[in-house]
Amino acid sequence: MGFWDSLKAFFAMPSGTGVSSHDPNGVYFHFRCSRCGSVVQVRADRRNDFNRFDAGVGPSSLLLRKDVMDNTCYQLMHAEIWVDGSYAPVSTSVTGGKLITPDEYDNALAAADQQQTPAE
């Protein structure tokens, strides 16, 4: 592993539930654009980005509304994600794309890196 790979691995977001140990207030969600198929990682701040609702208003008490844009075709994706107390998605609605798992995001990035790496 080279220097740049080590540096990239150090700053990379961990896979899993979307909660990072390096960023205690950040919750990460991953999206795939329905037009071009590119993937996007989005950070939501626990302190500011989630709206709290009384019980019975929705499937959970925390709602995240986020507009996401990829950097390939620049399509805007509108996301509405209800999460539980541990910030795991309970109900999602995404127009212009879909919510994907951190593993799907990592696999898409690895596949994109494989395509960009010249054959030796």
N, C-alpha and C. Protein backbone atom coordinates (compact mmCIF):
# COMPACT_ATOMS: atom_id res chain seq x y z
N MET A 1 0.85 -1.17 0.00
CA MET A 1 0.00 0.00 0.00
C MET A 1 0.90 1.23 0.00
N GLY A 2 0.64 2.13 -0.95
CA GLY A 2 1.44 3.33 -1.07
C GLY A 2 1.01 4.40 -0.09
N PHE A 3 1.76 5.49 -0.11
CA PHE A 3 1.48 6.61 0.78
C PHE A 3 0.07 7.16 0.57
N TRP A 4 -0.32 7.38 -0.70
CA TRP A 4 -1.63 7.97 -0.98
C TRP A 4 -2.75 7.03 -0.59
N ASP A 5 -2.54 5.72 -0.80
CA ASP A 5 -3.55 4.74 -0.39
C ASP A 5 -3.73 4.75 1.13
N SER A 6 -2.61 4.87 1.86
CA SER A 6 -2.69 4.93 3.32
C SER A 6 -3.42 6.18 3.79
N LEU A 7 -3.12 7.29 3.14
CA LEU A 7 -3.78 8.55 3.49
C LEU A 7 -5.27 8.48 3.17
N LYS A 8 -5.60 7.91 2.02
CA LYS A 8 -7.01 7.77 1.63
C LYS A 8 -7.75 6.87 2.62
N ALA A 9 -7.12 5.77 3.02
CA ALA A 9 -7.75 4.85 3.97
C ALA A 9 -7.95 5.51 5.33
N PHE A 10 -7.01 6.38 5.72
CA PHE A 10 -7.12 7.06 7.01
C PHE A 10 -8.33 7.98 7.04
N PHE A 11 -8.59 8.70 5.93
CA PHE A 11 -9.68 9.65 5.90
C PHE A 11 -10.98 9.07 5.37
N ALA A 12 -10.99 7.82 4.97
CA ALA A 12 -12.20 7.20 4.42
C ALA A 12 -13.25 7.03 5.50
N MET A 13 -14.51 7.10 5.08
CA MET A 13 -15.63 6.90 6.00
C MET A 13 -15.80 5.41 6.21
N PRO A 14 -16.01 4.98 7.42
CA PRO A 14 -16.19 3.56 7.67
C PRO A 14 -17.53 3.06 7.15
N SER A 15 -17.57 1.77 6.80
CA SER A 15 -18.83 1.15 6.37
C SER A 15 -19.63 0.78 7.61
N GLY A 16 -20.88 0.46 7.40
CA GLY A 16 -21.70 0.01 8.52
C GLY A 16 -23.03 0.71 8.54
N THR A 17 -23.44 1.18 9.70
CA THR A 17 -24.76 1.75 9.86
C THR A 17 -24.86 3.18 9.39
N GLY A 18 -23.76 3.80 9.04
CA GLY A 18 -23.78 5.18 8.62
C GLY A 18 -23.29 6.11 9.72
N VAL A 19 -23.09 5.60 10.91
CA VAL A 19 -22.59 6.40 12.02
C VAL A 19 -21.09 6.21 12.08
N SER A 20 -20.35 7.31 12.10
CA SER A 20 -18.89 7.25 12.06
C SER A 20 -18.30 7.47 13.44
N SER A 21 -17.28 6.68 13.77
CA SER A 21 -16.60 6.89 15.05
C SER A 21 -15.68 8.10 14.98
N HIS A 22 -15.25 8.47 13.75
CA HIS A 22 -14.39 9.65 13.58
C HIS A 22 -15.18 10.94 13.65
N ASP A 23 -16.48 10.86 13.43
CA ASP A 23 -17.35 12.03 13.36
C ASP A 23 -18.60 11.74 14.20
N PRO A 24 -18.55 12.00 15.50
CA PRO A 24 -19.66 11.60 16.37
C PRO A 24 -21.00 12.26 16.06
N ASN A 25 -21.01 13.40 15.39
CA ASN A 25 -22.27 14.07 15.08
C ASN A 25 -22.72 13.83 13.65
N GLY A 26 -21.95 13.10 12.88
CA GLY A 26 -22.30 12.84 11.49
C GLY A 26 -22.97 11.49 11.29
N VAL A 27 -23.98 11.48 10.44
CA VAL A 27 -24.64 10.25 10.00
C VAL A 27 -24.54 10.26 8.48
N TYR A 28 -24.08 9.15 7.90
CA TYR A 28 -23.81 9.11 6.47
C TYR A 28 -24.83 8.26 5.74
N PHE A 29 -25.32 8.79 4.63
CA PHE A 29 -26.26 8.09 3.76
C PHE A 29 -25.65 8.03 2.37
N HIS A 30 -26.02 7.00 1.63
CA HIS A 30 -25.44 6.77 0.31
C HIS A 30 -26.56 6.64 -0.71
N PHE A 31 -26.37 7.27 -1.86
CA PHE A 31 -27.40 7.32 -2.89
C PHE A 31 -26.81 6.91 -4.24
N ARG A 32 -27.69 6.36 -5.09
CA ARG A 32 -27.33 6.07 -6.49
C ARG A 32 -28.29 6.85 -7.38
N CYS A 33 -27.74 7.59 -8.33
CA CYS A 33 -28.54 8.38 -9.27
C CYS A 33 -29.27 7.44 -10.23
N SER A 34 -30.55 7.71 -10.47
CA SER A 34 -31.32 6.86 -11.37
C SER A 34 -31.03 7.16 -12.84
N ARG A 35 -30.44 8.31 -13.13
CA ARG A 35 -30.14 8.65 -14.52
C ARG A 35 -28.80 8.09 -14.97
N CYS A 36 -27.73 8.37 -14.21
CA CYS A 36 -26.38 7.97 -14.66
C CYS A 36 -25.78 6.83 -13.84
N GLY A 37 -26.37 6.51 -12.69
CA GLY A 37 -25.87 5.40 -11.89
C GLY A 37 -24.72 5.74 -10.97
N SER A 38 -24.30 7.00 -10.93
CA SER A 38 -23.19 7.36 -10.04
C SER A 38 -23.67 7.35 -8.58
N VAL A 39 -22.71 7.16 -7.68
CA VAL A 39 -23.03 7.07 -6.26
C VAL A 39 -22.54 8.31 -5.53
N VAL A 40 -23.26 8.66 -4.47
CA VAL A 40 -22.96 9.87 -3.70
C VAL A 40 -23.07 9.53 -2.22
N GLN A 41 -22.12 10.03 -1.45
CA GLN A 41 -22.19 9.92 0.02
C GLN A 41 -22.57 11.29 0.58
N VAL A 42 -23.52 11.31 1.49
CA VAL A 42 -24.00 12.56 2.06
C VAL A 42 -23.91 12.47 3.58
N ARG A 43 -23.44 13.54 4.19
CA ARG A 43 -23.36 13.62 5.65
C ARG A 43 -24.53 14.43 6.17
N ALA A 44 -25.17 13.91 7.20
CA ALA A 44 -26.23 14.64 7.90
C ALA A 44 -25.76 14.84 9.33
N ASP A 45 -25.96 16.03 9.85
CA ASP A 45 -25.54 16.36 11.21
C ASP A 45 -26.68 16.04 12.16
N ARG A 46 -26.39 15.24 13.18
CA ARG A 46 -27.42 14.86 14.17
C ARG A 46 -28.00 16.08 14.87
N ARG A 47 -27.21 17.11 15.05
CA ARG A 47 -27.65 18.27 15.82
C ARG A 47 -28.54 19.21 15.02
N ASN A 48 -28.41 19.22 13.68
CA ASN A 48 -29.09 20.25 12.90
C ASN A 48 -30.01 19.74 11.79
N ASP A 49 -29.69 18.60 11.20
CA ASP A 49 -30.38 18.20 9.97
C ASP A 49 -31.65 17.39 10.17
N PHE A 50 -31.85 16.82 11.33
CA PHE A 50 -33.01 15.98 11.56
C PHE A 50 -34.12 16.77 12.23
N ASN A 51 -35.36 16.58 11.75
CA ASN A 51 -36.53 17.20 12.34
C ASN A 51 -37.19 16.20 13.27
N ARG A 52 -37.54 16.64 14.47
CA ARG A 52 -38.20 15.77 15.44
C ARG A 52 -39.71 15.98 15.35
N PHE A 53 -40.44 14.86 15.40
CA PHE A 53 -41.89 14.90 15.35
C PHE A 53 -42.45 14.10 16.50
N ASP A 54 -43.67 14.44 16.91
CA ASP A 54 -44.36 13.68 17.95
C ASP A 54 -44.73 12.31 17.40
N ALA A 55 -44.95 11.36 18.28
CA ALA A 55 -45.35 10.01 17.88
C ALA A 55 -46.67 10.07 17.11
N GLY A 56 -46.78 9.26 16.08
CA GLY A 56 -48.00 9.21 15.29
C GLY A 56 -47.97 10.07 14.05
N VAL A 57 -47.02 10.97 13.93
CA VAL A 57 -46.93 11.83 12.75
C VAL A 57 -46.37 11.06 11.56
N GLY A 58 -45.39 10.22 11.81
CA GLY A 58 -44.76 9.42 10.76
C GLY A 58 -44.35 8.08 11.31
N PRO A 59 -43.61 7.31 10.50
CA PRO A 59 -43.18 5.99 10.96
C PRO A 59 -42.17 6.03 12.10
N SER A 60 -41.58 7.16 12.34
CA SER A 60 -40.61 7.33 13.43
C SER A 60 -40.68 8.78 13.90
N SER A 61 -39.81 9.15 14.82
CA SER A 61 -39.87 10.51 15.33
C SER A 61 -38.83 11.44 14.71
N LEU A 62 -37.90 10.90 13.90
CA LEU A 62 -36.85 11.71 13.28
C LEU A 62 -36.96 11.67 11.77
N LEU A 63 -36.96 12.83 11.13
CA LEU A 63 -37.07 12.93 9.68
C LEU A 63 -35.92 13.75 9.13
N LEU A 64 -35.31 13.24 8.07
CA LEU A 64 -34.27 13.97 7.35
C LEU A 64 -34.78 14.24 5.95
N ARG A 65 -34.77 15.50 5.56
CA ARG A 65 -35.08 15.89 4.18
C ARG A 65 -33.79 16.44 3.59
N LYS A 66 -33.35 15.87 2.48
CA LYS A 66 -32.07 16.26 1.90
C LYS A 66 -32.18 16.28 0.40
N ASP A 67 -31.61 17.31 -0.23
CA ASP A 67 -31.48 17.36 -1.68
C ASP A 67 -30.04 17.00 -2.01
N VAL A 68 -29.87 16.02 -2.89
CA VAL A 68 -28.56 15.46 -3.19
C VAL A 68 -28.32 15.59 -4.69
N MET A 69 -27.09 15.97 -5.07
CA MET A 69 -26.74 16.08 -6.47
C MET A 69 -25.45 15.31 -6.72
N ASP A 70 -25.47 14.47 -7.77
CA ASP A 70 -24.24 13.75 -8.10
C ASP A 70 -23.34 14.65 -8.95
N ASN A 71 -22.11 14.21 -9.17
CA ASN A 71 -21.17 15.05 -9.92
C ASN A 71 -20.92 14.53 -11.33
N THR A 72 -21.83 13.69 -11.84
CA THR A 72 -21.69 13.20 -13.20
C THR A 72 -22.72 13.85 -14.12
N CYS A 73 -24.00 13.65 -13.83
CA CYS A 73 -25.04 14.25 -14.68
C CYS A 73 -25.75 15.41 -13.99
N TYR A 74 -25.42 15.65 -12.74
CA TYR A 74 -25.95 16.77 -11.95
C TYR A 74 -27.47 16.71 -11.77
N GLN A 75 -28.01 15.51 -11.72
CA GLN A 75 -29.44 15.37 -11.43
C GLN A 75 -29.67 15.57 -9.94
N LEU A 76 -30.71 16.30 -9.61
CA LEU A 76 -31.06 16.53 -8.21
C LEU A 76 -31.94 15.40 -7.71
N MET A 77 -31.54 14.82 -6.59
CA MET A 77 -32.33 13.76 -5.95
C MET A 77 -32.91 14.34 -4.66
N HIS A 78 -34.20 14.14 -4.47
CA HIS A 78 -34.89 14.62 -3.27
C HIS A 78 -35.13 13.43 -2.36
N ALA A 79 -34.59 13.48 -1.15
CA ALA A 79 -34.70 12.37 -0.22
C ALA A 79 -35.47 12.78 1.02
N GLU A 80 -36.34 11.88 1.46
CA GLU A 80 -37.06 12.02 2.73
C GLU A 80 -36.87 10.70 3.46
N ILE A 81 -36.11 10.75 4.56
CA ILE A 81 -35.73 9.53 5.26
C ILE A 81 -36.16 9.63 6.72
N TRP A 82 -37.01 8.70 7.14
CA TRP A 82 -37.39 8.58 8.54
C TRP A 82 -36.41 7.62 9.18
N VAL A 83 -35.83 7.99 10.32
CA VAL A 83 -34.86 7.13 11.01
C VAL A 83 -35.32 6.88 12.44
N ASP A 84 -34.80 5.79 13.01
CA ASP A 84 -35.12 5.48 14.41
C ASP A 84 -34.11 6.17 15.32
N GLY A 85 -34.15 5.85 16.60
CA GLY A 85 -33.27 6.48 17.58
C GLY A 85 -31.79 6.23 17.36
N SER A 86 -31.44 5.14 16.66
CA SER A 86 -30.04 4.86 16.35
C SER A 86 -29.67 5.34 14.95
N TYR A 87 -30.53 6.14 14.33
CA TYR A 87 -30.33 6.75 13.01
C TYR A 87 -30.27 5.74 11.88
N ALA A 88 -30.90 4.60 12.06
CA ALA A 88 -31.05 3.62 10.98
C ALA A 88 -32.34 3.93 10.23
N PRO A 89 -32.33 3.88 8.90
CA PRO A 89 -33.53 4.20 8.13
C PRO A 89 -34.69 3.26 8.44
N VAL A 90 -35.87 3.86 8.64
CA VAL A 90 -37.09 3.10 8.89
C VAL A 90 -37.95 3.14 7.63
N SER A 91 -38.05 4.31 7.02
CA SER A 91 -38.84 4.50 5.81
C SER A 91 -38.12 5.53 4.94
N THR A 92 -38.03 5.25 3.63
CA THR A 92 -37.32 6.18 2.74
C THR A 92 -38.16 6.48 1.51
N SER A 93 -37.99 7.68 1.00
CA SER A 93 -38.58 8.09 -0.26
C SER A 93 -37.55 8.96 -0.97
N VAL A 94 -37.07 8.49 -2.12
CA VAL A 94 -36.06 9.23 -2.88
C VAL A 94 -36.54 9.35 -4.32
N THR A 95 -36.68 10.57 -4.81
CA THR A 95 -37.02 10.79 -6.21
C THR A 95 -35.75 11.14 -6.96
N GLY A 96 -35.58 10.54 -8.12
CA GLY A 96 -34.39 10.79 -8.93
C GLY A 96 -33.22 9.89 -8.58
N GLY A 97 -33.41 8.95 -7.66
CA GLY A 97 -32.34 8.05 -7.26
C GLY A 97 -32.85 7.08 -6.23
N LYS A 98 -31.93 6.39 -5.58
CA LYS A 98 -32.33 5.48 -4.52
C LYS A 98 -31.27 5.44 -3.43
N LEU A 99 -31.71 5.10 -2.23
CA LEU A 99 -30.82 4.94 -1.09
C LEU A 99 -30.16 3.57 -1.21
N ILE A 100 -28.83 3.52 -1.04
CA ILE A 100 -28.10 2.26 -1.12
C ILE A 100 -27.35 2.03 0.18
N THR A 101 -26.86 0.82 0.36
CA THR A 101 -26.13 0.48 1.58
C THR A 101 -24.69 0.97 1.47
N PRO A 102 -24.00 1.12 2.59
CA PRO A 102 -22.58 1.50 2.54
C PRO A 102 -21.74 0.49 1.74
N ASP A 103 -22.09 -0.79 1.81
CA ASP A 103 -21.35 -1.80 1.04
C ASP A 103 -21.55 -1.61 -0.46
N GLU A 104 -22.76 -1.31 -0.87
CA GLU A 104 -23.01 -1.04 -2.30
C GLU A 104 -22.23 0.19 -2.75
N TYR A 105 -22.17 1.19 -1.90
CA TYR A 105 -21.40 2.40 -2.21
C TYR A 105 -19.91 2.07 -2.36
N ASP A 106 -19.35 1.31 -1.40
CA ASP A 106 -17.94 0.93 -1.47
C ASP A 106 -17.65 0.09 -2.71
N ASN A 107 -18.55 -0.82 -3.05
CA ASN A 107 -18.35 -1.66 -4.24
C ASN A 107 -18.40 -0.83 -5.52
N ALA A 108 -19.29 0.15 -5.58
CA ALA A 108 -19.37 1.02 -6.76
C ALA A 108 -18.11 1.85 -6.90
N LEU A 109 -17.57 2.35 -5.78
CA LEU A 109 -16.32 3.11 -5.85
C LEU A 109 -15.16 2.23 -6.28
N ALA A 110 -15.11 1.00 -5.77
CA ALA A 110 -14.05 0.08 -6.15
C ALA A 110 -14.13 -0.26 -7.64
N ALA A 111 -15.34 -0.47 -8.14
CA ALA A 111 -15.52 -0.77 -9.56
C ALA A 111 -15.11 0.42 -10.42
N ALA A 112 -15.43 1.63 -9.98
CA ALA A 112 -15.03 2.83 -10.72
C ALA A 112 -13.51 2.99 -10.72
N ASP A 113 -12.86 2.68 -9.60
CA ASP A 113 -11.40 2.73 -9.52
C ASP A 113 -10.77 1.71 -10.45
N GLN A 114 -11.37 0.52 -10.54
CA GLN A 114 -10.87 -0.54 -11.42
C GLN A 114 -10.94 -0.09 -12.89
N GLN A 115 -12.02 0.60 -13.27
CA GLN A 115 -12.18 1.06 -14.65
C GLN A 115 -11.20 2.17 -14.98
N GLN A 116 -10.85 3.00 -14.00
CA GLN A 116 -9.95 4.12 -14.25
C GLN A 116 -8.49 3.73 -14.20
N THR A 117 -8.17 2.59 -13.56
CA THR A 117 -6.79 2.14 -13.47
C THR A 117 -6.37 1.54 -14.81
N PRO A 118 -5.31 2.07 -15.42
CA PRO A 118 -4.88 1.52 -16.71
C PRO A 118 -4.33 0.10 -16.55
N ALA A 119 -4.57 -0.70 -17.57
CA ALA A 119 -4.08 -2.09 -17.57
C ALA A 119 -2.56 -2.08 -17.75
N GLU A 120 -1.91 -2.97 -17.03
CA GLU A 120 -0.44 -3.03 -17.11
C GLU A 120 0.00 -4.14 -18.04
